[in-house]
C-alpha atoms as a PDB file:
ATOM      1  CA  MET A   1      31.894  22.034 -34.516  1.00  0.00           C
ATOM      2  CA  GLN A   2      30.045  23.796 -31.725  1.00  0.00           C
ATOM      3  CA  ILE A   3      26.289  23.761 -31.312  1.00  0.00           C
ATOM      4  CA  GLN A   4      25.035  27.005 -29.843  1.00  0.00           C
ATOM      5  CA  SER A   5      22.256  26.284 -27.379  1.00  0.00           C
ATOM      6  CA  VAL A   6      20.459  27.725 -24.398  1.00  0.00           C
ATOM      7  CA  SER A   7      19.727  24.414 -22.668  1.00  0.00           C
ATOM      8  CA  ILE A   8      20.502  20.715 -22.794  1.00  0.00           C
ATOM      9  CA  GLU A   9      17.183  20.028 -24.525  1.00  0.00           C
ATOM     10  CA  ASP A  10      17.945  22.730 -27.098  1.00  0.00           C
ATOM     11  CA  TYR A  11      21.397  21.219 -27.726  1.00  0.00           C
ATOM     12  CA  ILE A  12      19.993  17.730 -28.244  1.00  0.00           C
ATOM     13  CA  SER A  13      17.290  19.047 -30.589  1.00  0.00           C
ATOM     14  CA  LYS A  14      20.022  20.476 -32.851  1.00  0.00           C
ATOM     15  CA  ILE A  15      21.902  17.172 -33.208  1.00  0.00           C
ATOM     16  CA  PRO A  16      21.303  15.270 -36.468  1.00  0.00           C
ATOM     17  CA  GLU A  17      18.279  13.002 -36.025  1.00  0.00           C
ATOM     18  CA  ASP A  18      20.229   9.800 -36.648  1.00  0.00           C
ATOM     19  CA  ARG A  19      22.332  10.548 -33.534  1.00  0.00           C
ATOM     20  CA  GLN A  20      19.769  12.033 -31.171  1.00  0.00           C
ATOM     21  CA  GLU A  21      18.567   8.806 -29.562  1.00  0.00           C
ATOM     22  CA  ALA A  22      22.088   7.484 -28.873  1.00  0.00           C
ATOM     23  CA  PHE A  23      23.258  10.906 -27.688  1.00  0.00           C
ATOM     24  CA  LYS A  24      20.325  11.187 -25.279  1.00  0.00           C
ATOM     25  CA  LYS A  25      21.031   7.660 -24.017  1.00  0.00           C
ATOM     26  CA  LEU A  26      24.689   8.565 -23.499  1.00  0.00           C
ATOM     27  CA  PHE A  27      23.657  11.739 -21.668  1.00  0.00           C
ATOM     28  CA  ASP A  28      21.292   9.742 -19.435  1.00  0.00           C
ATOM     29  CA  THR A  29      23.958   7.088 -18.813  1.00  0.00           C
ATOM     30  CA  VAL A  30      26.451   9.655 -17.544  1.00  0.00           C
ATOM     31  CA  ASN A  31      23.835  11.703 -15.700  1.00  0.00           C
ATOM     32  CA  ASP A  32      22.357   8.703 -13.912  1.00  0.00           C
ATOM     33  CA  ASN A  33      25.746   7.403 -12.784  1.00  0.00           C
ATOM     34  CA  LEU A  34      27.803  10.427 -11.780  1.00  0.00           C
ATOM     35  CA  PRO A  35      28.190  10.785  -8.011  1.00  0.00           C
ATOM     36  CA  LYS A  36      26.115  13.474  -6.313  1.00  0.00           C
ATOM     37  CA  GLY A  37      27.573  16.950  -6.413  1.00  0.00           C
ATOM     38  CA  PHE A  38      28.124  17.468 -10.127  1.00  0.00           C
ATOM     39  CA  GLU A  39      25.687  19.753 -11.973  1.00  0.00           C
ATOM     40  CA  GLU A  40      24.487  19.696 -15.565  1.00  0.00           C
ATOM     41  CA  ALA A  41      25.662  22.598 -17.707  1.00  0.00           C
ATOM     42  CA  THR A  42      26.001  23.905 -21.226  1.00  0.00           C
ATOM     43  CA  ASN A  43      29.460  25.296 -21.875  1.00  0.00           C
ATOM     44  CA  TYR A  44      32.053  25.562 -24.622  1.00  0.00           C
ATOM     45  CA  GLY A  45      29.469  24.603 -27.253  1.00  0.00           C
ATOM     46  CA  MET A  46      28.796  21.289 -25.495  1.00  0.00           C
ATOM     47  CA  ILE A  47      26.710  19.885 -22.695  1.00  0.00           C
ATOM     48  CA  GLY A  48      28.179  18.393 -19.605  1.00  0.00           C
ATOM     49  CA  TRP A  49      28.727  18.318 -15.885  1.00  0.00           C
ATOM     50  CA  VAL A  50      30.687  20.657 -13.658  1.00  0.00           C
ATOM     51  CA  VAL A  51      31.634  21.159 -10.046  1.00  0.00           C
ATOM     52  CA  PRO A  52      29.460  24.167  -9.157  1.00  0.00           C
ATOM     53  CA  LEU A  53      30.927  27.356  -7.736  1.00  0.00           C
ATOM     54  CA  ALA A  54      28.988  26.755  -4.502  1.00  0.00           C
ATOM     55  CA  THR A  55      31.172  23.663  -3.977  1.00  0.00           C
ATOM     56  CA  PHE A  56      34.408  25.002  -5.476  1.00  0.00           C
ATOM     57  CA  PRO A  57      34.313  28.820  -5.423  1.00  0.00           C
ATOM     58  CA  ALA A  58      37.725  29.133  -7.090  1.00  0.00           C
ATOM     59  CA  GLY A  59      36.188  27.729 -10.278  1.00  0.00           C
ATOM     60  CA  TYR A  60      38.020  27.009 -13.490  1.00  0.00           C
ATOM     61  CA  HIS A  61      41.336  28.854 -13.833  1.00  0.00           C
ATOM     62  CA  CYS A  62      41.010  29.207 -17.634  1.00  0.00           C
ATOM     63  CA  ALA A  63      37.671  30.995 -17.305  1.00  0.00           C
ATOM     64  CA  PRO A  64      37.544  32.776 -13.929  1.00  0.00           C
ATOM     65  CA  GLY A  65      34.111  32.858 -12.362  1.00  0.00           C
ATOM     66  CA  THR A  66      32.926  29.687 -14.104  1.00  0.00           C
ATOM     67  CA  PRO A  67      32.360  26.232 -12.604  1.00  0.00           C
ATOM     68  CA  LEU A  68      35.047  23.550 -12.856  1.00  0.00           C
ATOM     69  CA  PRO A  69      34.317  21.330 -15.899  1.00  0.00           C
ATOM     70  CA  PHE A  70      34.464  17.548 -15.466  1.00  0.00           C
ATOM     71  CA  VAL A  71      32.628  15.667 -18.248  1.00  0.00           C
ATOM     72  CA  ASN A  72      31.307  17.003 -21.534  1.00  0.00           C
ATOM     73  CA  LEU A  73      29.408  15.511 -24.460  1.00  0.00           C
ATOM     74  CA  ALA A  74      29.491  16.912 -27.956  1.00  0.00           C
ATOM     75  CA  SER A  75      28.093  16.030 -31.338  1.00  0.00           C
ATOM     76  CA  GLN A  76      30.929  16.703 -33.755  1.00  0.00           C
ATOM     77  CA  LYS A  77      30.774  16.524 -37.543  1.00  0.00           C
ATOM     78  CA  ASN A  78      31.726  12.839 -37.791  1.00  0.00           C
ATOM     79  CA  PHE A  79      31.358  11.482 -34.270  1.00  0.00           C
ATOM     80  CA  ILE A  80      29.950  11.817 -30.781  1.00  0.00           C
ATOM     81  CA  ALA A  81      32.620  12.832 -28.283  1.00  0.00           C
ATOM     82  CA  LEU A  82      32.772  12.223 -24.562  1.00  0.00           C
ATOM     83  CA  TYR A  83      35.348  14.348 -22.736  1.00  0.00           C
ATOM     84  CA  HIS A  84      36.253  13.052 -19.266  1.00  0.00           C
ATOM     85  CA  MET A  85      38.809  15.128 -17.397  1.00  0.00           C
ATOM     86  CA  GLY A  86      39.453  12.301 -14.960  1.00  0.00           C
ATOM     87  CA  LEU A  87      40.902  10.210 -17.787  1.00  0.00           C
ATOM     88  CA  TYR A  88      43.205  13.094 -18.675  1.00  0.00           C
ATOM     89  CA  SER A  89      44.414  13.710 -15.147  1.00  0.00           C
ATOM     90  CA  LYS A  90      44.453  10.347 -13.372  1.00  0.00           C
ATOM     91  CA  PRO A  91      46.694   7.758 -15.098  1.00  0.00           C
ATOM     92  CA  GLU A  92      45.250   4.835 -13.124  1.00  0.00           C
ATOM     93  CA  LEU A  93      41.755   5.668 -14.350  1.00  0.00           C
ATOM     94  CA  LEU A  94      42.973   5.943 -17.936  1.00  0.00           C
ATOM     95  CA  ASP A  95      44.778   2.592 -17.650  1.00  0.00           C
ATOM     96  CA  TRP A  96      41.648   0.975 -16.233  1.00  0.00           C
ATOM     97  CA  PHE A  97      39.464   2.384 -19.031  1.00  0.00           C
ATOM     98  CA  VAL A  98      41.860   1.369 -21.828  1.00  0.00           C
ATOM     99  CA  GLY A  99      42.071  -2.141 -20.357  1.00  0.00           C
ATOM    100  CA  GLU A 100      38.311  -2.504 -19.984  1.00  0.00           C
ATOM    101  CA  TYR A 101      37.319  -1.064 -23.360  1.00  0.00           C
ATOM    102  CA  PRO A 102      38.043  -4.214 -25.430  1.00  0.00           C
ATOM    103  CA  LYS A 103      35.778  -6.208 -23.099  1.00  0.00           C
ATOM    104  CA  HIS A 104      32.867  -3.933 -24.073  1.00  0.00           C
ATOM    105  CA  SER A 105      33.495  -3.149 -27.727  1.00  0.00           C
ATOM    106  CA  LYS A 106      34.790  -4.919 -30.815  1.00  0.00           C
ATOM    107  CA  LYS A 107      35.906  -1.586 -32.247  1.00  0.00           C
ATOM    108  CA  LYS A 108      39.337  -0.113 -31.644  1.00  0.00           C
ATOM    109  CA  LEU A 109      39.340   2.622 -28.992  1.00  0.00           C
ATOM    110  CA  ASP A 110      39.436   6.038 -30.687  1.00  0.00           C
ATOM    111  CA  MET A 111      40.696   8.388 -28.028  1.00  0.00           C
ATOM    112  CA  GLY A 112      42.667  11.572 -27.440  1.00  0.00           C
ATOM    113  CA  LYS A 113      43.913  12.904 -24.089  1.00  0.00           C
ATOM    114  CA  SER A 114      40.439  13.220 -22.570  1.00  0.00           C
ATOM    115  CA  CYS A 115      38.223  12.648 -25.595  1.00  0.00           C
ATOM    116  CA  ILE A 116      36.603   9.343 -26.508  1.00  0.00           C
ATOM    117  CA  ARG A 117      35.181   9.403 -30.045  1.00  0.00           C
ATOM    118  CA  PHE A 118      32.280   7.245 -31.196  1.00  0.00           C
ATOM    119  CA  LYS A 119      31.879   7.303 -34.984  1.00  0.00           C
ATOM    120  CA  LYS A 120      28.957   4.869 -34.997  1.00  0.00           C
ATOM    121  CA  VAL A 121      26.190   5.137 -32.432  1.00  0.00           C
ATOM    122  CA  ASP A 122      25.890   1.346 -32.269  1.00  0.00           C
ATOM    123  CA  ASP A 123      29.461   1.153 -30.957  1.00  0.00           C
ATOM    124  CA  ILE A 124      28.932   3.134 -27.758  1.00  0.00           C
ATOM    125  CA  PRO A 125      29.682   0.897 -24.725  1.00  0.00           C
ATOM    126  CA  PHE A 126      27.005   2.314 -22.421  1.00  0.00           C
ATOM    127  CA  GLU A 127      27.723  -0.061 -19.517  1.00  0.00           C
ATOM    128  CA  LEU A 128      31.408   0.871 -19.533  1.00  0.00           C
ATOM    129  CA  ILE A 129      30.576   4.586 -19.677  1.00  0.00           C
ATOM    130  CA  ALA A 130      28.224   4.103 -16.720  1.00  0.00           C
ATOM    131  CA  GLU A 131      31.007   2.451 -14.742  1.00  0.00           C
ATOM    132  CA  LEU A 132      33.486   5.191 -15.719  1.00  0.00           C
ATOM    133  CA  SER A 133      30.987   7.828 -14.612  1.00  0.00           C
ATOM    134  CA  ARG A 134      30.794   6.337 -11.111  1.00  0.00           C
ATOM    135  CA  LYS A 135      34.561   6.313 -10.560  1.00  0.00           C
ATOM    136  CA  MET A 136      35.261   9.896  -9.422  1.00  0.00           C
ATOM    137  CA  THR A 137      33.505  12.148  -6.922  1.00  0.00           C
ATOM    138  CA  PRO A 138      33.496  15.946  -7.070  1.00  0.00           C
ATOM    139  CA  ASP A 139      35.828  16.070  -4.041  1.00  0.00           C
ATOM    140  CA  GLU A 140      38.296  13.696  -5.697  1.00  0.00           C
ATOM    141  CA  TRP A 141      38.177  15.723  -8.927  1.00  0.00           C
ATOM    142  CA  ILE A 142      38.775  18.977  -7.010  1.00  0.00           C
ATOM    143  CA  GLY A 143      41.760  17.394  -5.234  1.00  0.00           C
ATOM    144  CA  ILE A 144      43.316  16.214  -8.490  1.00  0.00           C
ATOM    145  CA  TYR A 145      42.630  19.564 -10.146  1.00  0.00           C
ATOM    146  CA  GLU A 146      44.163  21.539  -7.291  1.00  0.00           C
ATOM    147  CA  SER A 147      47.219  19.266  -7.167  1.00  0.00           C
ATOM    148  CA  GLN A 148      47.881  19.795 -10.874  1.00  0.00           C
ATOM    149  CA  TYR A 149      47.102  23.482 -11.058  1.00  0.00           C
ATOM    150  CA  LYS A 150      48.694  25.643  -8.405  1.00  0.00           C
ATOM    151  CA  ARG A 151      47.048  29.073  -8.182  1.00  0.00           C
END
């Protein structure tokens, strides 16, 4: 489910009311904790953060001329999703997150390759997401990206 929007505020206004407060808090948690250098964006029917073209002119290989995506948030039909490309591409970070999750939530971790799904807004471990957000700089993300995708 994609929400078509022209801005982050527009996106959030289109989320079901019962999720808006938690979604905004999750957005603020990530935004307030990401290292300097990432920029807010709306892309792929979600909101998120990217490495801007001014920092990484090569951009995203799947969509030439667009910034390199890093973290996205989406309101799906039955859950809020947080997509973190660092979890997908850095096994040590994934292992750390999976190990820490039970210390912050009584719910079982519902996760895909880079997607963490929160079916109930009360189950979002904001402190853990804040810590995850601080763990990778734009330069580190670019290095991992370039090492895994050879142009």
